[in-house]
Protein backbone atom coordinates (compact mmCIF):
# COMPACT_ATOMS: atom_id res chain seq x y z
CA MET A 1 0.00 0.00 0.00
CA THR A 2 1.39 3.40 -0.97
CA ALA A 3 -0.06 6.88 -0.31
CA SER A 4 0.41 9.94 -2.43
CA THR A 5 -0.66 13.48 -1.56
CA LEU A 6 -2.46 15.37 -4.34
CA ALA A 7 -2.10 19.18 -4.10
CA PRO A 8 -4.55 21.45 -5.97
CA PRO A 9 -3.33 22.33 -9.47
CA ALA A 10 -1.58 25.66 -9.88
CA PRO A 11 -3.48 28.33 -11.83
CA PRO A 12 -2.40 28.66 -15.44
CA VAL A 13 0.03 31.45 -16.18
CA GLU A 14 -1.41 34.02 -18.55
CA GLN A 15 0.69 34.64 -21.61
CA HIS A 16 0.64 38.22 -22.91
CA THR A 17 1.50 38.99 -26.50
CA ASP A 18 1.76 42.16 -28.50
CA ASP A 19 -1.57 41.37 -30.21
CA ASP A 20 -3.58 41.56 -26.97
CA VAL A 21 -6.23 44.33 -26.84
CA THR A 22 -6.68 46.19 -23.58
CA ALA A 23 -10.40 46.86 -22.94
CA VAL A 24 -10.98 50.40 -21.77
CA PRO A 25 -14.50 51.25 -20.46
CA LEU A 26 -16.31 53.94 -22.41
CA ARG A 27 -16.34 57.22 -20.57
CA ARG A 28 -19.68 59.01 -20.31
CA PRO A 29 -19.05 62.41 -18.77
CA TRP A 30 -22.55 63.68 -19.60
CA ARG A 31 -24.02 61.26 -17.08
CA TRP A 32 -22.14 62.95 -14.28
CA ILE A 33 -22.85 66.42 -15.65
CA SER A 34 -26.58 65.76 -15.93
CA ALA A 35 -26.64 64.24 -12.43
CA VAL A 36 -24.94 67.31 -10.99
CA ILE A 37 -27.39 69.62 -12.80
CA VAL A 38 -30.43 67.70 -11.53
CA LEU A 39 -29.05 67.63 -7.99
CA ALA A 40 -28.32 71.37 -8.10
CA LEU A 41 -31.88 72.10 -9.30
CA LEU A 42 -33.31 69.93 -6.54
CA VAL A 43 -31.25 71.69 -3.86
CA TRP A 44 -32.27 75.07 -5.28
CA PHE A 45 -35.97 74.14 -5.22
CA VAL A 46 -35.87 72.81 -1.66
CA THR A 47 -33.92 75.85 -0.46
CA THR A 48 -36.33 78.23 -2.18
CA ILE A 49 -39.34 76.60 -0.52
CA ALA A 50 -37.69 76.30 2.89
CA THR A 51 -36.55 79.94 2.97
CA ASN A 52 -39.68 81.47 1.42
CA PRO A 53 -40.86 84.23 3.79
CA ASN A 54 -44.42 83.97 2.46
CA LEU A 55 -44.82 80.42 3.81
CA ASP A 56 -45.74 79.99 7.45
CA PHE A 57 -44.48 76.53 8.36
CA THR A 58 -45.67 77.03 11.92
CA THR A 59 -49.24 77.00 10.63
CA VAL A 60 -48.52 73.85 8.63
CA GLY A 61 -47.29 72.07 11.76
CA ALA A 62 -50.17 73.39 13.87
CA PHE A 63 -52.90 72.10 11.53
CA LEU A 64 -51.22 68.89 10.37
CA PHE A 65 -52.84 66.93 13.21
CA ASP A 66 -55.80 69.21 13.84
CA ALA A 67 -58.98 67.38 14.88
CA ARG A 68 -60.91 68.68 11.88
CA ILE A 69 -58.16 67.60 9.49
CA LEU A 70 -58.01 64.13 11.07
CA SER A 71 -61.78 63.73 10.80
CA GLY A 72 -61.51 64.66 7.12
CA VAL A 73 -58.76 62.08 6.66
CA TRP A 74 -60.86 59.29 8.18
CA LEU A 75 -63.88 60.24 6.08
CA THR A 76 -61.72 60.31 2.95
CA ILE A 77 -60.43 56.80 3.70
CA LEU A 78 -63.95 55.55 4.43
CA ILE A 79 -65.34 56.96 1.17
CA THR A 80 -62.42 55.50 -0.78
CA VAL A 81 -62.75 52.01 0.70
CA ILE A 82 -66.53 51.79 0.29
CA SER A 83 -66.53 53.19 -3.25
CA MET A 84 -63.65 50.99 -4.39
CA VAL A 85 -65.05 47.76 -2.94
CA VAL A 86 -68.56 48.27 -4.33
CA SER A 87 -67.28 49.50 -7.71
CA THR A 88 -64.96 46.48 -8.02
CA VAL A 89 -67.83 44.05 -7.47
CA LEU A 90 -69.99 46.01 -9.91
CA SER A 91 -67.19 46.13 -12.47
CA ILE A 92 -66.87 42.34 -12.45
CA VAL A 93 -70.60 42.05 -13.19
CA ILE A 94 -70.40 44.63 -15.99
CA ALA A 95 -67.34 42.94 -17.52
CA ALA A 96 -69.14 39.60 -17.47
CA MET A 97 -72.12 41.23 -19.20
CA ARG A 98 -69.82 42.75 -21.85
CA LEU A 99 -68.32 39.32 -22.55
CA SER A 100 -71.71 37.61 -22.57
CA SER A 101 -73.15 36.22 -25.79
CA ASN A 102 -76.53 37.68 -24.82
CA PRO A 103 -76.95 40.81 -26.98
CA VAL A 104 -79.21 42.53 -24.42
CA LEU A 105 -76.72 42.13 -21.57
CA SER A 106 -73.73 43.17 -23.68
CA SER A 107 -75.59 46.21 -25.06
CA VAL A 108 -76.70 47.40 -21.62
CA ALA A 109 -73.15 47.01 -20.27
CA TRP A 110 -71.73 48.87 -23.26
CA PHE A 111 -74.21 51.73 -22.78
CA TYR A 112 -73.35 51.97 -19.08
CA VAL A 113 -69.62 52.24 -19.77
CA TRP A 114 -70.23 54.72 -22.60
CA ALA A 115 -72.41 56.99 -20.47
CA PHE A 116 -70.31 57.10 -17.31
CA ARG A 117 -66.94 57.33 -19.06
CA GLY A 118 -68.16 59.95 -21.49
CA THR A 119 -69.26 62.52 -18.89
CA PRO A 120 -67.02 64.31 -16.36
CA LEU A 121 -66.95 63.00 -12.81
CA LEU A 122 -67.55 66.50 -11.44
CA VAL A 123 -70.78 66.77 -13.44
CA GLN A 124 -71.94 63.39 -12.16
CA ILE A 125 -71.23 64.42 -8.56
CA VAL A 126 -73.29 67.61 -8.95
CA LEU A 127 -76.15 65.71 -10.61
CA TRP A 128 -76.35 63.23 -7.77
CA GLY A 129 -76.12 66.07 -5.27
CA TYR A 130 -79.06 67.82 -6.94
CA LEU A 131 -81.13 64.66 -7.33
CA GLY A 132 -83.86 66.22 -5.18
CA LEU A 133 -84.47 68.79 -7.90
CA LEU A 134 -85.41 66.01 -10.33
CA PHE A 135 -87.33 63.73 -7.95
CA ASP A 136 -88.87 65.19 -4.83
CA ARG A 137 -89.58 61.73 -3.44
CA ILE A 138 -88.20 58.26 -4.07
CA ARG A 139 -91.02 55.76 -4.40
CA VAL A 140 -91.18 51.96 -4.57
CA GLY A 141 -94.27 50.36 -6.10
CA ILE A 142 -95.74 48.86 -9.24
CA PRO A 143 -94.92 51.00 -12.30
CA PHE A 144 -97.77 52.55 -14.33
CA THR A 145 -100.38 51.52 -11.77
CA GLY A 146 -100.06 54.17 -9.10
CA VAL A 147 -99.63 51.48 -6.43
CA GLU A 148 -97.00 52.62 -3.94
CA PHE A 149 -95.45 50.50 -1.20
CA TRP A 150 -92.86 52.89 0.20
CA SER A 151 -91.71 56.47 -0.37
CA VAL A 152 -89.27 58.87 1.24
CA ASP A 153 -88.08 62.42 0.68
CA THR A 154 -85.14 62.40 -1.71
CA ASN A 155 -83.01 64.85 0.25
CA THR A 156 -83.53 62.80 3.41
CA LEU A 157 -82.37 59.57 1.77
CA VAL A 158 -79.70 60.89 -0.60
CA THR A 159 -77.55 63.01 1.70
CA PRO A 160 -74.38 64.68 0.34
CA LEU A 161 -72.32 61.73 1.56
CA ILE A 162 -74.60 59.18 -0.14
CA ALA A 163 -74.62 61.26 -3.31
CA GLY A 164 -70.82 61.35 -3.31
CA LEU A 165 -70.61 57.59 -2.76
CA LEU A 166 -73.03 56.95 -5.62
CA ALA A 167 -71.16 59.24 -8.00
CA LEU A 168 -67.71 57.82 -7.23
CA THR A 169 -68.88 54.20 -7.21
CA LEU A 170 -70.82 54.26 -10.46
CA ASN A 171 -68.16 56.26 -12.29
CA GLN A 172 -65.34 54.03 -11.08
CA ALA A 173 -67.25 50.87 -12.00
CA ALA A 174 -67.29 51.96 -15.65
CA TYR A 175 -63.50 52.33 -15.74
CA SER A 176 -62.78 49.25 -13.66
CA SER A 177 -65.03 47.09 -15.82
CA GLU A 178 -62.81 47.78 -18.82
CA ILE A 179 -59.76 46.80 -16.78
CA VAL A 180 -61.45 43.56 -15.72
CA ARG A 181 -62.55 42.88 -19.30
CA ALA A 182 -59.00 43.42 -20.56
CA GLY A 183 -57.73 40.96 -17.97
CA MET A 184 -60.32 38.40 -18.98
CA VAL A 185 -59.47 38.75 -22.66
CA SER A 186 -55.77 38.26 -21.85
CA VAL A 187 -56.46 34.70 -20.63
CA ASP A 188 -55.90 32.10 -23.32
CA GLU A 189 -59.10 30.90 -24.96
CA GLY A 190 -58.01 27.32 -24.43
CA GLN A 191 -58.56 27.74 -20.70
CA ARG A 192 -62.25 28.42 -21.29
CA GLU A 193 -62.56 25.53 -23.73
CA ALA A 194 -60.86 23.16 -21.31
CA ALA A 195 -63.19 24.21 -18.51
CA TYR A 196 -66.25 23.71 -20.72
CA SER A 197 -64.98 20.28 -21.77
CA LEU A 198 -64.88 19.30 -18.09
CA GLY A 199 -68.53 20.24 -17.71
CA MET A 200 -68.04 23.56 -15.89
CA SER A 201 -70.77 26.17 -16.25
CA PRO A 202 -69.92 29.61 -17.71
CA LEU A 203 -70.32 31.29 -14.30
CA TYR A 204 -68.15 28.69 -12.54
CA THR A 205 -65.54 28.97 -15.31
CA PHE A 206 -65.52 32.74 -14.94
CA ARG A 207 -65.14 32.61 -11.17
CA ARG A 208 -62.71 29.71 -10.75
CA VAL A 209 -60.67 29.61 -13.96
CA LEU A 210 -60.64 32.90 -15.84
CA LEU A 211 -60.76 35.51 -13.07
CA PRO A 212 -57.83 34.13 -10.98
CA GLN A 213 -55.58 34.11 -14.04
CA ALA A 214 -56.72 37.56 -15.12
CA MET A 215 -55.86 39.06 -11.72
CA ARG A 216 -52.20 39.27 -12.74
CA VAL A 217 -53.20 41.76 -15.45
CA ILE A 218 -55.93 43.45 -13.42
CA ILE A 219 -54.08 44.27 -10.17
CA PRO A 220 -51.57 46.93 -11.42
CA PRO A 221 -54.10 49.22 -13.16
CA MET A 222 -56.62 48.67 -10.38
CA GLY A 223 -54.02 49.91 -7.92
CA ASN A 224 -53.73 53.08 -9.95
CA GLU A 225 -57.51 53.41 -9.96
CA LEU A 226 -57.54 53.08 -6.16
CA ILE A 227 -55.09 55.96 -5.83
CA SER A 228 -57.14 58.01 -8.31
CA MET A 229 -60.26 57.27 -6.28
CA LEU A 230 -58.56 58.56 -3.14
CA LYS A 231 -57.67 61.84 -4.83
CA ASN A 232 -61.04 62.19 -6.56
CA THR A 233 -62.73 62.38 -3.16
CA SER A 234 -61.58 66.01 -3.07
CA LEU A 235 -64.19 66.74 -5.78
CA LEU A 236 -66.91 66.05 -3.23
CA SER A 237 -66.26 69.50 -1.79
CA VAL A 238 -68.70 70.88 -4.38
CA ILE A 239 -71.58 69.16 -2.56
CA ALA A 240 -70.25 69.96 0.94
CA VAL A 241 -69.02 66.50 1.95
CA LEU A 242 -66.67 67.10 4.90
CA GLU A 243 -63.72 65.13 3.56
CA LEU A 244 -60.08 66.24 3.84
CA TYR A 245 -60.04 68.99 1.23
CA THR A 246 -63.37 70.42 2.38
CA GLN A 247 -62.17 70.61 5.98
CA ALA A 248 -58.97 72.36 4.89
CA SER A 249 -60.99 74.84 2.80
CA ILE A 250 -63.21 75.66 5.77
CA ILE A 251 -60.18 76.29 7.99
CA SER A 252 -58.37 78.39 5.38
CA SER A 253 -61.44 80.56 4.83
CA SER A 254 -61.25 81.64 8.48
CA ASN A 255 -57.48 82.15 8.91
CA LEU A 256 -56.63 83.08 5.28
CA LYS A 257 -53.79 80.54 5.18
CA GLN A 258 -54.76 78.91 1.91
CA VAL A 259 -51.31 77.81 0.78
CA GLU A 260 -50.35 76.42 4.18
CA LEU A 261 -53.55 74.36 4.37
CA LEU A 262 -52.98 73.10 0.84
CA ILE A 263 -49.56 71.88 1.97
CA VAL A 264 -51.23 70.07 4.88
CA VAL A 265 -53.68 68.43 2.47
CA SER A 266 -50.87 67.43 0.11
CA VAL A 267 -48.86 65.84 2.92
CA TRP A 268 -51.82 63.73 3.99
CA TYR A 269 -52.65 62.66 0.43
CA LEU A 270 -49.02 61.63 -0.13
CA PHE A 271 -49.06 59.66 3.10
CA MET A 272 -52.30 57.85 2.24
CA THR A 273 -51.26 57.03 -1.32
CA SER A 274 -47.98 55.62 0.01
CA LEU A 275 -49.89 53.35 2.38
CA LEU A 276 -52.20 52.18 -0.39
CA SER A 277 -49.21 51.24 -2.55
CA ILE A 278 -48.14 48.58 -0.02
CA PRO A 279 -51.04 46.11 -0.47
CA GLN A 280 -50.86 46.62 -4.24
CA TYR A 281 -47.20 45.57 -4.20
CA TYR A 282 -47.90 42.34 -2.29
CA LEU A 283 -50.98 41.52 -4.36
CA GLU A 284 -48.91 41.83 -7.53
CA ARG A 285 -46.36 39.42 -6.04
CA ARG A 286 -49.04 36.95 -5.01
CA PHE A 287 -50.83 36.76 -8.36
CA GLY A 288 -47.57 36.94 -10.33
CA ARG A 289 -46.06 33.82 -8.79
CA GLY A 290 -46.97 31.63 -11.75
CA SER A 291 -45.60 34.00 -14.38
CA SER A 292 -42.00 34.25 -13.17
CA ARG A 293 -39.68 31.72 -11.59
CA ASN A 294 -37.51 34.33 -9.90
CA ILE A 295 -39.71 36.69 -7.89
CA PRO A 296 -37.66 39.66 -6.63
CA PRO A 297 -37.31 39.91 -2.85
CA THR A 298 -39.49 42.26 -0.88
CA PRO A 299 -37.98 45.39 0.75
CA PHE A 300 -38.08 43.65 4.14
CA GLU A 301 -36.24 40.63 2.70
CA ARG A 302 -33.61 42.90 1.19
CA LEU A 303 -33.16 44.67 4.51
CA ARG A 304 -32.87 41.36 6.34
CA ALA A 305 -30.30 40.11 3.83
CA ALA A 306 -28.28 43.32 4.14
CA MET A 307 -28.27 43.09 7.93
CA HIS A 308 -27.27 39.43 7.76
CA LYS A 309 -24.28 40.26 5.55
CA ARG A 310 -23.02 42.84 8.04
CA LYS A 311 -22.89 40.30 10.89
CA PRO A 312 -19.43 38.68 11.23
CA GLY A 313 -19.64 35.03 10.33
CA PRO A 314 -17.49 32.13 11.58
CA ALA A 315 -13.83 32.05 10.51
CA PRO A 316 -13.22 29.89 7.43
CA ALA A 317 -11.65 26.52 8.09
CA PRO A 318 -8.02 26.06 6.98
CA PRO A 319 -7.57 24.23 3.68
CA THR A 320 -6.92 20.52 4.00
CA GLN A 321 -4.84 18.36 1.75
CA MET A 322 -6.42 15.48 -0.12
CA THR A 323 -4.82 12.12 0.44
CA GLU A 324 -5.39 9.32 -2.00
CA VAL A 325 -4.58 5.75 -1.04
CA ILE A 326 -3.54 3.60 -3.95
CA GLY A 327 -3.49 -0.07 -3.37
CA GLU A 328 -1.49 -2.38 -5.46
């Protein structure tokens, strides 16, 4: 029996000749120049705003957490959540009607989308706010017979808040239905045919096969619509709904600090839109799992990985020699 020690092979020695080409990275000085210009403009803008004598930042800080502002914030969030949830459910129904082979259903859905997308949201809000001018009472009964089961004064039932919810919900449903329809169309037609071949009904196929696959296309634009809905609540000030912008307008009319209150409103809208972007991000990851094998890590996972790299790990073990026993 003999033993021989095998050391790792030495790295090959690079041979340089006169024909070798030295790669020199391309210099792009305009990148640095443009970055410096943009940074200088940003510093100038921030300095101009911060040192502007016409801005009273004390007032901004005093009213940022004012009770009236906070009540407007909560009402804005409530209106946004209710309108978005109801409009999403309604948009799914309208999209299904648009895709239906029934000509009556598809025509009614098309007319709904055409009417509500073709008129301004502000006009729709005012019309719903002035509904009492068209109908003094809302009645429930048998049409064309005069039989009436229930009636109520229109202004009592349709308050400014209800009118705002109706306007935002019905308008948003028209836009969201087109997003849902686009997501449904993006699903391969073979999925529908396979579901029908298994005996699934059209409604069951829509709910269990087509809609889950379409969510990957629907979620990103619906997130944008949610943020637009949040900002469109400011239009309800025309019918005296006490949301965030209306509360700020009432305060500024008494202290004449219009710009400062607009800054307060802008800060709160930026904060709320940032919060609403978080669930959109995780919903996109959830419904996009089947489309990509390598899903990028979340910000928390990146932070955890960065903190893990900073921790000192155990010292590497010394290299060992490999011993091969050769038997004769």
